[in-house]
PDB file of N, CA and C in Angstrom:
ATOM      1  N   MET A   1      -8.671   3.563  -0.027  1.00  0.00           N
ATOM      2  CA  MET A   1      -7.240   3.286  -0.001  1.00  0.00           C
ATOM      3  C   MET A   1      -6.502   4.585  -0.277  1.00  0.00           C
ATOM      4  N   ASP A   2      -5.503   4.830   0.492  1.00  0.00           N
ATOM      5  CA  ASP A   2      -4.727   6.059   0.374  1.00  0.00           C
ATOM      6  C   ASP A   2      -3.532   5.834  -0.538  1.00  0.00           C
ATOM      7  N   ASN A   3      -3.471   6.560  -1.635  1.00  0.00           N
ATOM      8  CA  ASN A   3      -2.371   6.426  -2.586  1.00  0.00           C
ATOM      9  C   ASN A   3      -1.371   7.562  -2.467  1.00  0.00           C
ATOM     10  N   GLU A   4      -1.325   8.206  -1.334  1.00  0.00           N
ATOM     11  CA  GLU A   4      -0.396   9.310  -1.149  1.00  0.00           C
ATOM     12  C   GLU A   4       1.058   8.860  -1.225  1.00  0.00           C
ATOM     13  N   TRP A   5       1.312   7.591  -1.065  1.00  0.00           N
ATOM     14  CA  TRP A   5       2.676   7.056  -1.116  1.00  0.00           C
ATOM     15  C   TRP A   5       3.223   7.066  -2.543  1.00  0.00           C
ATOM     16  N   ALA A   6       2.355   7.073  -3.536  1.00  0.00           N
ATOM     17  CA  ALA A   6       2.770   6.935  -4.933  1.00  0.00           C
ATOM     18  C   ALA A   6       2.935   8.294  -5.603  1.00  0.00           C
ATOM     19  N   SER A   7       4.082   8.476  -6.213  1.00  0.00           N
ATOM     20  CA  SER A   7       4.334   9.709  -6.953  1.00  0.00           C
ATOM     21  C   SER A   7       3.639   9.638  -8.315  1.00  0.00           C
ATOM     22  N   PRO A   8       3.458  10.768  -8.973  1.00  0.00           N
ATOM     23  CA  PRO A   8       2.867  10.747 -10.315  1.00  0.00           C
ATOM     24  C   PRO A   8       3.654   9.858 -11.282  1.00  0.00           C
ATOM     25  N   THR A   9       4.969   9.797 -11.120  1.00  0.00           N
ATOM     26  CA  THR A   9       5.789   8.951 -11.988  1.00  0.00           C
ATOM     27  C   THR A   9       5.460   7.474 -11.784  1.00  0.00           C
ATOM     28  N   LEU A  10       5.306   7.040 -10.545  1.00  0.00           N
ATOM     29  CA  LEU A  10       4.952   5.644 -10.282  1.00  0.00           C
ATOM     30  C   LEU A  10       3.597   5.297 -10.884  1.00  0.00           C
ATOM     31  N   LYS A  11       2.699   6.264 -10.872  1.00  0.00           N
ATOM     32  CA  LYS A  11       1.350   6.028 -11.384  1.00  0.00           C
ATOM     33  C   LYS A  11       1.310   5.902 -12.909  1.00  0.00           C
ATOM     34  N   GLU A  12       2.419   6.169 -13.573  1.00  0.00           N
ATOM     35  CA  GLU A  12       2.490   6.015 -15.028  1.00  0.00           C
ATOM     36  C   GLU A  12       2.830   4.590 -15.451  1.00  0.00           C
ATOM     37  N   ALA A  13       3.161   3.734 -14.490  1.00  0.00           N
ATOM     38  CA  ALA A  13       3.525   2.345 -14.797  1.00  0.00           C
ATOM     39  C   ALA A  13       2.361   1.626 -15.467  1.00  0.00           C
ATOM     40  N   PRO A  14       2.642   0.733 -16.410  1.00  0.00           N
ATOM     41  CA  PRO A  14       1.568   0.043 -17.121  1.00  0.00           C
ATOM     42  C   PRO A  14       0.747  -0.905 -16.230  1.00  0.00           C
ATOM     43  N   TYR A  15       1.222  -1.149 -15.043  1.00  0.00           N
ATOM     44  CA  TYR A  15       0.526  -2.053 -14.116  1.00  0.00           C
ATOM     45  C   TYR A  15      -0.143  -1.298 -12.968  1.00  0.00           C
ATOM     46  N   TRP A  16      -0.114   0.016 -13.007  1.00  0.00           N
ATOM     47  CA  TRP A  16      -0.717   0.829 -11.941  1.00  0.00           C
ATOM     48  C   TRP A  16      -2.234   0.732 -11.986  1.00  0.00           C
ATOM     49  N   ARG A  17      -2.836   0.729 -10.783  1.00  0.00           N
ATOM     50  CA  ARG A  17      -4.286   0.887 -10.645  1.00  0.00           C
ATOM     51  C   ARG A  17      -4.542   1.662  -9.370  1.00  0.00           C
ATOM     52  N   GLU A  18      -5.605   2.412  -9.363  1.00  0.00           N
ATOM     53  CA  GLU A  18      -5.976   3.174  -8.167  1.00  0.00           C
ATOM     54  C   GLU A  18      -6.261   2.202  -7.028  1.00  0.00           C
ATOM     55  N   GLY A  19      -5.822   2.567  -5.843  1.00  0.00           N
ATOM     56  CA  GLY A  19      -6.076   1.756  -4.666  1.00  0.00           C
ATOM     57  C   GLY A  19      -4.998   0.730  -4.359  1.00  0.00           C
ATOM     58  N   MET A  20      -3.941   0.706  -5.154  1.00  0.00           N
ATOM     59  CA  MET A  20      -2.859  -0.247  -4.904  1.00  0.00           C
ATOM     60  C   MET A  20      -2.162   0.059  -3.590  1.00  0.00           C
ATOM     61  N   THR A  21      -1.748  -1.016  -2.925  1.00  0.00           N
ATOM     62  CA  THR A  21      -0.881  -0.858  -1.761  1.00  0.00           C
ATOM     63  C   THR A  21       0.565  -0.876  -2.248  1.00  0.00           C
ATOM     64  N   VAL A  22       1.470  -0.506  -1.384  1.00  0.00           N
ATOM     65  CA  VAL A  22       2.889  -0.547  -1.730  1.00  0.00           C
ATOM     66  C   VAL A  22       3.285  -1.982  -2.081  1.00  0.00           C
ATOM     67  N   GLU A  23       2.802  -2.947  -1.321  1.00  0.00           N
ATOM     68  CA  GLU A  23       3.129  -4.350  -1.559  1.00  0.00           C
ATOM     69  C   GLU A  23       2.610  -4.824  -2.911  1.00  0.00           C
ATOM     70  N   GLU A  24       1.395  -4.437  -3.247  1.00  0.00           N
ATOM     71  CA  GLU A  24       0.845  -4.805  -4.560  1.00  0.00           C
ATOM     72  C   GLU A  24       1.677  -4.194  -5.678  1.00  0.00           C
ATOM     73  N   TYR A  25       2.068  -2.942  -5.502  1.00  0.00           N
ATOM     74  CA  TYR A  25       2.886  -2.273  -6.510  1.00  0.00           C
ATOM     75  C   TYR A  25       4.200  -3.024  -6.705  1.00  0.00           C
ATOM     76  N   GLU A  26       4.842  -3.396  -5.612  1.00  0.00           N
ATOM     77  CA  GLU A  26       6.121  -4.106  -5.696  1.00  0.00           C
ATOM     78  C   GLU A  26       5.957  -5.460  -6.388  1.00  0.00           C
ATOM     79  N   ASN A  27       4.888  -6.180  -6.071  1.00  0.00           N
ATOM     80  CA  ASN A  27       4.623  -7.466  -6.734  1.00  0.00           C
ATOM     81  C   ASN A  27       4.400  -7.270  -8.227  1.00  0.00           C
ATOM     82  N   GLU A  28       3.632  -6.263  -8.574  1.00  0.00           N
ATOM     83  CA  GLU A  28       3.366  -5.977  -9.988  1.00  0.00           C
ATOM     84  C   GLU A  28       4.647  -5.568 -10.715  1.00  0.00           C
ATOM     85  N   ARG A  29       5.455  -4.739 -10.070  1.00  0.00           N
ATOM     86  CA  ARG A  29       6.719  -4.296 -10.672  1.00  0.00           C
ATOM     87  C   ARG A  29       7.633  -5.491 -10.934  1.00  0.00           C
ATOM     88  N   ASN A  30       7.736  -6.393  -9.969  1.00  0.00           N
ATOM     89  CA  ASN A  30       8.578  -7.582 -10.137  1.00  0.00           C
ATOM     90  C   ASN A  30       8.066  -8.460 -11.272  1.00  0.00           C
ATOM     91  N   TYR A  31       6.752  -8.645 -11.328  1.00  0.00           N
ATOM     92  CA  TYR A  31       6.158  -9.443 -12.401  1.00  0.00           C
ATOM     93  C   TYR A  31       6.406  -8.778 -13.764  1.00  0.00           C
ATOM     94  N   PHE A  32       6.226  -7.485 -13.818  1.00  0.00           N
ATOM     95  CA  PHE A  32       6.457  -6.740 -15.056  1.00  0.00           C
ATOM     96  C   PHE A  32       7.904  -6.896 -15.523  1.00  0.00           C
ATOM     97  N   ASN A  33       8.841  -6.730 -14.598  1.00  0.00           N
ATOM     98  CA  ASN A  33      10.260  -6.834 -14.958  1.00  0.00           C
ATOM     99  C   ASN A  33      10.628  -8.225 -15.461  1.00  0.00           C
ATOM    100  N   LYS A  34       9.998  -9.253 -14.927  1.00  0.00           N
ATOM    101  CA  LYS A  34      10.259 -10.622 -15.377  1.00  0.00           C
ATOM    102  C   LYS A  34       9.606 -10.910 -16.727  1.00  0.00           C
ATOM    103  N   ASN A  35       8.624 -10.094 -17.095  1.00  0.00           N
ATOM    104  CA  ASN A  35       7.854 -10.332 -18.313  1.00  0.00           C
ATOM    105  C   ASN A  35       7.894  -9.159 -19.273  1.00  0.00           C
ATOM    106  N   ILE A  36       8.987  -8.434 -19.262  1.00  0.00           N
ATOM    107  CA  ILE A  36       9.121  -7.247 -20.114  1.00  0.00           C
ATOM    108  C   ILE A  36       8.957  -7.605 -21.591  1.00  0.00           C
ATOM    109  N   ASP A  37       9.365  -8.817 -21.965  1.00  0.00           N
ATOM    110  CA  ASP A  37       9.232  -9.233 -23.363  1.00  0.00           C
ATOM    111  C   ASP A  37       7.767  -9.324 -23.785  1.00  0.00           C
ATOM    112  N   ILE A  38       6.905  -9.738 -22.879  1.00  0.00           N
ATOM    113  CA  ILE A  38       5.464  -9.797 -23.179  1.00  0.00           C
ATOM    114  C   ILE A  38       4.924  -8.386 -23.383  1.00  0.00           C
ATOM    115  N   TRP A  39       5.369  -7.460 -22.549  1.00  0.00           N
ATOM    116  CA  TRP A  39       4.934  -6.070 -22.667  1.00  0.00           C
ATOM    117  C   TRP A  39       5.371  -5.486 -24.013  1.00  0.00           C
ATOM    118  N   GLN A  40       6.603  -5.795 -24.417  1.00  0.00           N
ATOM    119  CA  GLN A  40       7.117  -5.285 -25.682  1.00  0.00           C
ATOM    120  C   GLN A  40       6.306  -5.807 -26.865  1.00  0.00           C
ATOM    121  N   LYS A  41       5.716  -6.974 -26.717  1.00  0.00           N
ATOM    122  CA  LYS A  41       4.883  -7.556 -27.772  1.00  0.00           C
ATOM    123  C   LYS A  41       3.435  -7.062 -27.701  1.00  0.00           C
ATOM    124  N   GLY A  42       3.140  -6.259 -26.675  1.00  0.00           N
ATOM    125  CA  GLY A  42       1.790  -5.718 -26.535  1.00  0.00           C
ATOM    126  C   GLY A  42       0.794  -6.694 -25.944  1.00  0.00           C
ATOM    127  N   LYS A  43       1.290  -7.732 -25.270  1.00  0.00           N
ATOM    128  CA  LYS A  43       0.397  -8.758 -24.723  1.00  0.00           C
ATOM    129  C   LYS A  43       0.447  -8.831 -23.200  1.00  0.00           C
ATOM    130  N   TYR A  44       1.012  -7.831 -22.570  1.00  0.00           N
ATOM    131  CA  TYR A  44       1.158  -7.819 -21.113  1.00  0.00           C
ATOM    132  C   TYR A  44      -0.175  -7.553 -20.435  1.00  0.00           C
ATOM    133  N   ILE A  45      -0.484  -8.359 -19.417  1.00  0.00           N
ATOM    134  CA  ILE A  45      -1.678  -8.152 -18.592  1.00  0.00           C
ATOM    135  C   ILE A  45      -1.216  -8.126 -17.139  1.00  0.00           C
ATOM    136  N   PRO A  46      -1.438  -7.029 -16.441  1.00  0.00           N
ATOM    137  CA  PRO A  46      -1.007  -6.943 -15.044  1.00  0.00           C
ATOM    138  C   PRO A  46      -1.651  -8.040 -14.194  1.00  0.00           C
ATOM    139  N   LEU A  47      -0.980  -8.416 -13.120  1.00  0.00           N
ATOM    140  CA  LEU A  47      -1.498  -9.447 -12.226  1.00  0.00           C
ATOM    141  C   LEU A  47      -2.882  -9.103 -11.698  1.00  0.00           C
ATOM    142  N   TRP A  48      -3.084  -7.843 -11.327  1.00  0.00           N
ATOM    143  CA  TRP A  48      -4.370  -7.467 -10.745  1.00  0.00           C
ATOM    144  C   TRP A  48      -5.501  -7.658 -11.757  1.00  0.00           C
ATOM    145  N   LYS A  49      -5.193  -7.431 -13.025  1.00  0.00           N
ATOM    146  CA  LYS A  49      -6.213  -7.606 -14.057  1.00  0.00           C
ATOM    147  C   LYS A  49      -6.464  -9.087 -14.331  1.00  0.00           C
ATOM    148  N   GLN A  50      -5.410  -9.897 -14.271  1.00  0.00           N
ATOM    149  CA  GLN A  50      -5.566 -11.336 -14.427  1.00  0.00           C
ATOM    150  C   GLN A  50      -6.449 -11.889 -13.301  1.00  0.00           C
ATOM    151  N   ASN A  51      -6.206 -11.441 -12.086  1.00  0.00           N
ATOM    152  CA  ASN A  51      -7.004 -11.889 -10.934  1.00  0.00           C
ATOM    153  C   ASN A  51      -8.442 -11.431 -11.049  1.00  0.00           C
ATOM    154  N   GLU A  52      -8.637 -10.236 -11.579  1.00  0.00           N
ATOM    155  CA  GLU A  52      -9.981  -9.690 -11.772  1.00  0.00           C
ATOM    156  C   GLU A  52     -10.766 -10.541 -12.750  1.00  0.00           C
ATOM    157  N   ASN A  53     -10.113 -11.004 -13.821  1.00  0.00           N
ATOM    158  CA  ASN A  53     -10.755 -11.808 -14.840  1.00  0.00           C
ATOM    159  C   ASN A  53     -11.078 -13.218 -14.375  1.00  0.00           C
ATOM    160  N   GLN A  54     -10.402 -13.700 -13.322  1.00  0.00           N
ATOM    161  CA  GLN A  54     -10.651 -15.030 -12.801  1.00  0.00           C
ATOM    162  C   GLN A  54     -11.880 -15.070 -11.917  1.00  0.00           C
ATOM    163  N   ASN A  55     -12.294 -13.923 -11.410  1.00  0.00           N
ATOM    164  CA  ASN A  55     -13.449 -13.882 -10.501  1.00  0.00           C
ATOM    165  C   ASN A  55     -14.747 -13.768 -11.234  1.00  0.00           C
TER     166      ASN A  55
END
């Protein structure tokens, strides 16, 4: 997967993972923004990690 689309700043997001597509990044960003309170409590789990744990 080519991550040339992502700047170093985007890669600092708490939901970033290598190999993300632009669409995955946007979905993760939207989920993060809706759940910022969970992140502030230190209990945030990115969608990709939740999906990984289900398999």
